[in-house]
Amino acid sequence: KRVIDGDTLELEDGRKVRLANINSPEKSSVSYKLSEDYLKEFEGETVQMENLGEDKYKRTLGRIYAPEYVNLDIVKLGFASKFLVDEEELDEFNKAERDAIENSRGIWRKSDYYGCFKTEIDKKAEKVVIESRCGEMNIGNWQLKDESRKIYSFKNVSFFKIILHSTSGADNKTDIFWGSEQNVWNNDRDSLYLFDRVGGLSHYESYGY
């Protein structure tokens, strides 16, 4: 019947469907319309849906086919990231995202600083070591996010190497603190995305896939 946002739609019978395995950008993102506009191409059309149950918001989790697998195509086009992927689909969604990133599709338009960073995620200690390969870097107003909707916005910070902790604390020259009330990094699998101040992808790391 209508598209609610880049990964959620409503059927004629009133059911709200959250597309499984993907996460489209928030409306505050410069590229959130890509996935939404793509889904709008199917408004008023008949599609096939595989019902996977309900999420915590009582929305139907679904795989949509029209006739191609819409959820996967959105990731292939670079309009959304993979998210909470079902075990049997891990490989194809991970490969789809990596290919979209390598080819700078959609939300994965590469920054001029792509290749300038190295990261090491310590999921148990809830911290990320970020190293610059391009000299001292100032990443004020850049953003770092996980596969879900957790986003950290950097203040005016310059470094060769710095540690971002998920917990609260006082920032200093070597350590900065997210201040998250919950853990950021999943123990099984997750991804890190670093975007520059104009939304270009500067770095990507994924584990558990």
Protein backbone atom coordinates (compact mmCIF):
# COMPACT_ATOMS: atom_id res chain seq x y z
CA LYS A 1 0.00 0.00 0.00
CA ARG A 2 2.68 2.53 0.98
CA VAL A 3 6.33 2.88 1.98
CA ILE A 4 6.90 4.07 5.54
CA ASP A 5 10.68 4.40 5.29
CA GLY A 6 13.66 2.74 3.66
CA ASP A 7 13.14 -0.66 5.29
CA THR A 8 9.47 -0.63 6.37
CA LEU A 9 6.24 -0.77 4.36
CA GLU A 10 2.52 -1.24 4.87
CA LEU A 11 0.38 -3.82 3.09
CA GLU A 12 -3.20 -3.33 1.90
CA ASP A 13 -4.46 -5.32 4.90
CA GLY A 14 -2.83 -2.83 7.29
CA ARG A 15 0.13 -4.97 8.32
CA LYS A 16 3.40 -3.12 8.72
CA VAL A 17 6.35 -5.10 7.34
CA ARG A 18 9.95 -4.61 8.42
CA LEU A 19 12.28 -5.97 5.74
CA ALA A 20 14.51 -8.65 7.26
CA ASN A 21 18.32 -8.61 7.09
CA ILE A 22 18.71 -4.90 6.23
CA ASN A 23 19.00 -1.50 7.92
CA SER A 24 18.41 1.66 5.90
CA PRO A 25 19.94 5.01 6.95
CA GLU A 26 18.17 7.25 9.43
CA LYS A 27 16.21 10.22 8.08
CA SER A 28 18.94 12.51 9.38
CA SER A 29 21.38 10.88 6.93
CA VAL A 30 22.21 12.55 3.63
CA SER A 31 21.40 9.32 1.77
CA TYR A 32 18.31 8.00 3.56
CA LYS A 33 16.05 8.55 0.51
CA LEU A 34 17.84 5.99 -1.67
CA SER A 35 16.22 2.91 -0.16
CA GLU A 36 12.87 4.65 0.38
CA ASP A 37 12.64 5.81 -3.24
CA TYR A 38 13.58 2.32 -4.46
CA LEU A 39 10.81 0.71 -2.42
CA LYS A 40 8.29 3.25 -3.69
CA GLU A 41 8.70 1.72 -7.14
CA PHE A 42 6.67 -1.22 -5.80
CA GLU A 43 3.78 0.79 -4.32
CA GLY A 44 0.50 -0.56 -5.65
CA GLU A 45 2.20 -3.69 -6.98
CA THR A 46 1.57 -7.30 -6.03
CA VAL A 47 4.56 -8.91 -4.35
CA GLN A 48 5.30 -12.16 -2.60
CA MET A 49 6.18 -12.07 1.08
CA GLU A 50 7.75 -14.69 3.29
CA ASN A 51 6.56 -14.10 6.88
CA LEU A 52 9.36 -14.55 9.44
CA GLY A 53 7.34 -13.64 12.54
CA GLU A 54 7.21 -10.35 14.43
CA ASP A 55 9.84 -7.95 15.72
CA LYS A 56 9.70 -6.23 19.12
CA TYR A 57 7.54 -3.43 17.65
CA LYS A 58 4.90 -5.98 16.52
CA ARG A 59 5.78 -5.46 12.86
CA THR A 60 5.88 -8.44 10.52
CA LEU A 61 9.44 -9.40 9.59
CA GLY A 62 9.47 -10.33 5.95
CA ARG A 63 11.38 -11.27 2.85
CA ILE A 64 9.88 -9.50 -0.16
CA TYR A 65 10.02 -10.85 -3.74
CA ALA A 66 8.92 -8.81 -6.77
CA PRO A 67 9.91 -11.25 -8.29
CA GLU A 68 13.57 -10.74 -7.34
CA TYR A 69 14.59 -10.77 -3.67
CA VAL A 70 14.04 -7.09 -2.80
CA ASN A 71 15.82 -7.19 0.58
CA LEU A 72 19.03 -8.48 -1.00
CA ASP A 73 18.77 -6.17 -4.02
CA ILE A 74 18.64 -3.12 -1.72
CA VAL A 75 21.96 -4.19 -0.18
CA LYS A 76 23.46 -4.99 -3.60
CA LEU A 77 22.58 -1.48 -4.80
CA GLY A 78 24.20 0.05 -1.74
CA PHE A 79 20.96 1.59 -0.47
CA ALA A 80 21.10 -0.07 2.98
CA SER A 81 23.47 -2.11 5.13
CA LYS A 82 23.09 -5.69 6.22
CA PHE A 83 21.58 -6.11 9.71
CA LEU A 84 20.70 -9.08 11.95
CA VAL A 85 21.09 -11.39 8.98
CA ASP A 86 19.60 -14.87 9.27
CA GLU A 87 22.28 -17.53 9.63
CA GLU A 88 21.56 -19.20 6.29
CA GLU A 89 21.86 -15.88 4.42
CA LEU A 90 25.06 -14.55 6.00
CA ASP A 91 27.34 -15.19 3.03
CA GLU A 92 25.16 -13.65 0.33
CA PHE A 93 24.32 -10.51 2.31
CA ASN A 94 27.91 -10.01 3.41
CA LYS A 95 29.16 -10.44 -0.17
CA ALA A 96 26.47 -8.08 -1.46
CA GLU A 97 27.51 -5.36 0.97
CA ARG A 98 31.24 -5.81 0.36
CA ASP A 99 30.69 -5.57 -3.38
CA ALA A 100 28.59 -2.41 -2.98
CA ILE A 101 31.32 -0.87 -0.79
CA GLU A 102 34.13 -1.81 -3.19
CA ASN A 103 32.20 -0.17 -6.04
CA SER A 104 31.12 2.93 -4.05
CA ARG A 105 27.42 2.34 -4.65
CA GLY A 106 24.71 4.32 -2.92
CA ILE A 107 25.42 5.09 0.72
CA TRP A 108 28.94 3.70 0.31
CA ARG A 109 30.32 6.59 -1.74
CA LYS A 110 33.97 6.57 -0.74
CA SER A 111 35.59 9.47 1.08
CA ASP A 112 38.82 11.05 -0.11
CA TYR A 113 40.22 9.57 3.12
CA TYR A 114 39.24 5.98 2.30
CA GLY A 115 42.24 3.79 3.07
CA CYS A 116 43.62 6.19 5.69
CA PHE A 117 42.45 4.21 8.72
CA LYS A 118 42.97 0.96 10.55
CA THR A 119 40.63 -0.18 13.32
CA GLU A 120 40.65 -2.95 15.88
CA ILE A 121 37.38 -3.75 17.65
CA ASP A 122 37.61 -5.29 21.13
CA LYS A 123 34.01 -6.42 21.56
CA LYS A 124 34.52 -7.76 25.08
CA ALA A 125 36.17 -4.59 26.36
CA GLU A 126 33.74 -2.47 24.31
CA LYS A 127 36.39 -0.33 22.69
CA VAL A 128 37.74 0.45 19.23
CA VAL A 129 41.36 1.37 18.48
CA ILE A 130 41.50 3.80 15.54
CA GLU A 131 44.82 4.45 13.81
CA SER A 132 45.59 6.94 11.05
CA ARG A 133 47.76 5.84 8.13
CA CYS A 134 47.76 9.35 6.66
CA GLY A 135 49.43 11.34 9.41
CA GLU A 136 47.67 13.23 12.16
CA MET A 137 43.96 13.47 11.36
CA ASN A 138 41.24 15.79 12.60
CA ILE A 139 37.87 14.01 12.37
CA GLY A 140 35.62 16.56 14.03
CA ASN A 141 31.96 16.08 12.93
CA TRP A 142 32.70 12.63 11.49
CA GLN A 143 30.47 9.73 12.51
CA LEU A 144 31.13 6.12 13.45
CA LYS A 145 28.29 3.60 13.57
CA ASP A 146 27.63 -0.10 14.05
CA GLU A 147 25.24 -2.27 12.01
CA SER A 148 22.25 -1.06 14.00
CA ARG A 149 21.36 2.57 14.68
CA LYS A 150 24.07 3.37 17.22
CA ILE A 151 26.03 6.42 16.05
CA TYR A 152 28.90 8.29 17.64
CA SER A 153 29.66 11.83 16.43
CA PHE A 154 33.27 12.91 16.92
CA LYS A 155 34.06 16.24 18.50
CA ASN A 156 37.05 18.29 17.37
CA VAL A 157 39.73 15.61 17.82
CA SER A 158 43.15 15.18 16.17
CA PHE A 159 45.17 11.98 16.48
CA PHE A 160 47.55 9.42 15.06
CA LYS A 161 45.98 6.74 17.27
CA ILE A 162 43.02 6.97 19.60
CA ILE A 163 40.75 4.59 21.54
CA LEU A 164 36.97 5.00 21.44
CA HIS A 165 35.32 3.43 24.50
CA SER A 166 31.60 2.61 24.47
CA THR A 167 31.33 3.54 28.15
CA SER A 168 31.30 6.95 29.84
CA GLY A 169 34.45 8.78 30.91
CA ALA A 170 36.50 11.92 30.53
CA ASP A 171 38.04 12.42 27.08
CA ASN A 172 41.81 12.90 26.88
CA LYS A 173 44.52 12.83 24.20
CA THR A 174 44.50 9.03 23.88
CA ASP A 175 40.97 7.99 24.86
CA ILE A 176 37.48 9.25 24.03
CA PHE A 177 34.16 7.98 25.39
CA TRP A 178 30.89 7.24 23.59
CA GLY A 179 28.79 7.40 26.77
CA SER A 180 26.47 4.64 25.57
CA GLU A 181 24.11 3.19 28.17
CA GLN A 182 24.27 -0.20 26.45
CA ASN A 183 26.93 -2.30 24.77
CA VAL A 184 27.62 -1.23 21.20
CA TRP A 185 29.48 -4.22 19.73
CA ASN A 186 27.77 -7.61 19.40
CA ASN A 187 29.73 -10.64 20.60
CA ASP A 188 28.95 -12.77 17.54
CA ARG A 189 29.14 -10.43 14.54
CA ASP A 190 28.91 -6.76 13.74
CA SER A 191 30.30 -4.07 11.46
CA LEU A 192 31.91 -0.66 11.91
CA TYR A 193 31.44 2.18 9.44
CA LEU A 194 33.31 5.48 9.62
CA PHE A 195 31.89 8.42 7.65
CA ASP A 196 33.54 11.79 7.04
CA ARG A 197 31.76 15.11 7.67
CA VAL A 198 30.05 15.05 4.26
CA GLY A 199 28.89 11.43 4.52
CA GLY A 200 31.66 9.72 2.55
CA LEU A 201 32.68 6.24 3.73
CA SER A 202 36.18 6.50 5.17
CA HIS A 203 36.59 3.04 6.69
CA TYR A 204 34.77 -0.26 7.11
CA GLU A 205 35.40 -3.31 9.27
CA SER A 206 33.23 -6.38 9.73
CA TYR A 207 33.67 -9.42 11.97
CA GLY A 208 31.90 -12.73 12.49
CA TYR A 209 30.86 -13.20 8.84
